[in-house]
Amino acid sequence: MLALDRRGVVADAVFKVAATLPMERVRIGVQRQGLRFDLKKFISRVAAS
């Protein structure tokens, strides 16, 4: 799997990308379906790391 290293541990790149990827704000009490960030962009940035 892309996000795991040889030992099966989550790669540092996943955390670095997650920390820098912009997320959509959601107000308290507002329900939202789906993720609060662009999943395709997240995957491409992790793959490039």
N, C-alpha and C. Protein backbone atom coordinates (compact mmCIF):
# COMPACT_ATOMS: atom_id res chain seq x y z
N MET A 1 0.84 -1.18 0.00
CA MET A 1 0.00 0.00 0.00
C MET A 1 0.88 1.24 0.00
N LEU A 2 0.42 2.25 -0.65
CA LEU A 2 1.16 3.49 -0.84
C LEU A 2 1.57 4.16 0.47
N ALA A 3 0.68 4.21 1.44
CA ALA A 3 0.91 4.98 2.66
C ALA A 3 1.67 4.22 3.73
N LEU A 4 1.95 2.95 3.51
CA LEU A 4 2.64 2.16 4.52
C LEU A 4 4.08 1.89 4.11
N ASP A 5 4.96 1.85 5.09
CA ASP A 5 6.34 1.49 4.79
C ASP A 5 6.47 -0.04 4.83
N ARG A 6 7.66 -0.53 4.74
CA ARG A 6 7.89 -1.98 4.68
C ARG A 6 7.46 -2.71 5.95
N ARG A 7 7.44 -2.01 7.06
CA ARG A 7 7.05 -2.63 8.34
C ARG A 7 5.55 -2.55 8.59
N GLY A 8 4.82 -1.92 7.67
CA GLY A 8 3.38 -1.76 7.84
C GLY A 8 3.02 -0.55 8.66
N VAL A 9 3.96 0.37 8.82
CA VAL A 9 3.74 1.60 9.60
C VAL A 9 3.38 2.72 8.63
N VAL A 10 2.46 3.59 9.05
CA VAL A 10 2.07 4.70 8.20
C VAL A 10 3.28 5.60 7.93
N ALA A 11 3.49 5.92 6.65
CA ALA A 11 4.63 6.73 6.24
C ALA A 11 4.51 8.16 6.74
N ASP A 12 5.64 8.79 7.04
CA ASP A 12 5.66 10.18 7.50
C ASP A 12 5.02 11.12 6.49
N ALA A 13 5.13 10.80 5.22
CA ALA A 13 4.57 11.66 4.18
C ALA A 13 3.06 11.87 4.37
N VAL A 14 2.37 10.87 4.85
CA VAL A 14 0.92 10.98 5.07
C VAL A 14 0.64 12.09 6.08
N PHE A 15 1.39 12.12 7.16
CA PHE A 15 1.17 13.12 8.20
C PHE A 15 1.60 14.51 7.73
N LYS A 16 2.69 14.58 6.98
CA LYS A 16 3.17 15.87 6.48
C LYS A 16 2.16 16.48 5.50
N VAL A 17 1.63 15.65 4.62
CA VAL A 17 0.64 16.14 3.65
C VAL A 17 -0.65 16.54 4.38
N ALA A 18 -1.10 15.73 5.30
CA ALA A 18 -2.33 16.03 6.04
C ALA A 18 -2.22 17.33 6.82
N ALA A 19 -1.04 17.63 7.31
CA ALA A 19 -0.84 18.85 8.09
C ALA A 19 -0.84 20.10 7.22
N THR A 20 -0.58 19.96 5.93
CA THR A 20 -0.49 21.13 5.06
C THR A 20 -1.65 21.26 4.08
N LEU A 21 -2.49 20.27 3.99
CA LEU A 21 -3.61 20.29 3.05
C LEU A 21 -4.76 21.14 3.60
N PRO A 22 -5.26 22.09 2.82
CA PRO A 22 -6.38 22.90 3.30
C PRO A 22 -7.64 22.06 3.46
N MET A 23 -8.37 22.36 4.53
CA MET A 23 -9.64 21.66 4.79
C MET A 23 -10.77 22.67 4.84
N GLU A 24 -11.94 22.21 4.49
CA GLU A 24 -13.13 23.05 4.49
C GLU A 24 -13.65 23.19 5.92
N ARG A 25 -13.95 24.41 6.31
CA ARG A 25 -14.53 24.63 7.64
C ARG A 25 -15.99 24.22 7.64
N VAL A 26 -16.42 23.67 8.74
CA VAL A 26 -17.81 23.28 8.90
C VAL A 26 -18.32 23.91 10.19
N ARG A 27 -19.44 24.60 10.11
CA ARG A 27 -20.00 25.24 11.28
C ARG A 27 -20.56 24.20 12.24
N ILE A 28 -20.60 24.56 13.50
CA ILE A 28 -21.16 23.67 14.52
C ILE A 28 -22.64 23.45 14.22
N GLY A 29 -23.05 22.22 14.27
CA GLY A 29 -24.45 21.86 14.04
C GLY A 29 -24.79 21.60 12.59
N VAL A 30 -23.88 21.87 11.68
CA VAL A 30 -24.12 21.64 10.25
C VAL A 30 -23.58 20.27 9.89
N GLN A 31 -24.45 19.44 9.33
CA GLN A 31 -24.02 18.11 8.92
C GLN A 31 -23.51 18.17 7.49
N ARG A 32 -22.45 17.45 7.25
CA ARG A 32 -21.84 17.42 5.92
C ARG A 32 -21.51 15.98 5.56
N GLN A 33 -21.79 15.63 4.32
CA GLN A 33 -21.43 14.30 3.85
C GLN A 33 -20.10 14.40 3.11
N GLY A 34 -19.30 13.37 3.23
CA GLY A 34 -18.03 13.35 2.53
C GLY A 34 -16.90 13.93 3.36
N LEU A 35 -15.76 13.97 2.74
CA LEU A 35 -14.56 14.46 3.41
C LEU A 35 -14.48 15.98 3.33
N ARG A 36 -13.72 16.57 4.25
CA ARG A 36 -13.56 18.02 4.28
C ARG A 36 -12.33 18.47 3.51
N PHE A 37 -11.77 17.60 2.70
CA PHE A 37 -10.61 17.94 1.89
C PHE A 37 -10.69 17.19 0.57
N ASP A 38 -9.85 17.59 -0.39
CA ASP A 38 -9.82 16.99 -1.71
C ASP A 38 -9.00 15.69 -1.66
N LEU A 39 -9.67 14.57 -1.72
CA LEU A 39 -9.01 13.27 -1.58
C LEU A 39 -8.02 13.01 -2.71
N LYS A 40 -8.37 13.37 -3.93
CA LYS A 40 -7.46 13.15 -5.06
C LYS A 40 -6.16 13.94 -4.89
N LYS A 41 -6.29 15.17 -4.42
CA LYS A 41 -5.10 16.00 -4.19
C LYS A 41 -4.25 15.40 -3.07
N PHE A 42 -4.91 14.91 -2.03
CA PHE A 42 -4.21 14.28 -0.90
C PHE A 42 -3.39 13.08 -1.37
N ILE A 43 -4.03 12.20 -2.12
CA ILE A 43 -3.36 10.99 -2.61
C ILE A 43 -2.21 11.35 -3.54
N SER A 44 -2.41 12.32 -4.43
CA SER A 44 -1.34 12.68 -5.36
C SER A 44 -0.15 13.29 -4.62
N ARG A 45 -0.41 14.09 -3.58
CA ARG A 45 0.70 14.68 -2.81
C ARG A 45 1.45 13.62 -2.01
N VAL A 46 0.74 12.65 -1.46
CA VAL A 46 1.41 11.57 -0.73
C VAL A 46 2.26 10.75 -1.70
N ALA A 47 1.71 10.46 -2.87
CA ALA A 47 2.44 9.67 -3.86
C ALA A 47 3.70 10.40 -4.36
N ALA A 48 3.63 11.72 -4.41
CA ALA A 48 4.78 12.50 -4.88
C ALA A 48 5.86 12.64 -3.81
N SER A 49 5.50 12.39 -2.57
CA SER A 49 6.48 12.55 -1.47
C SER A 49 7.42 11.40 -1.39
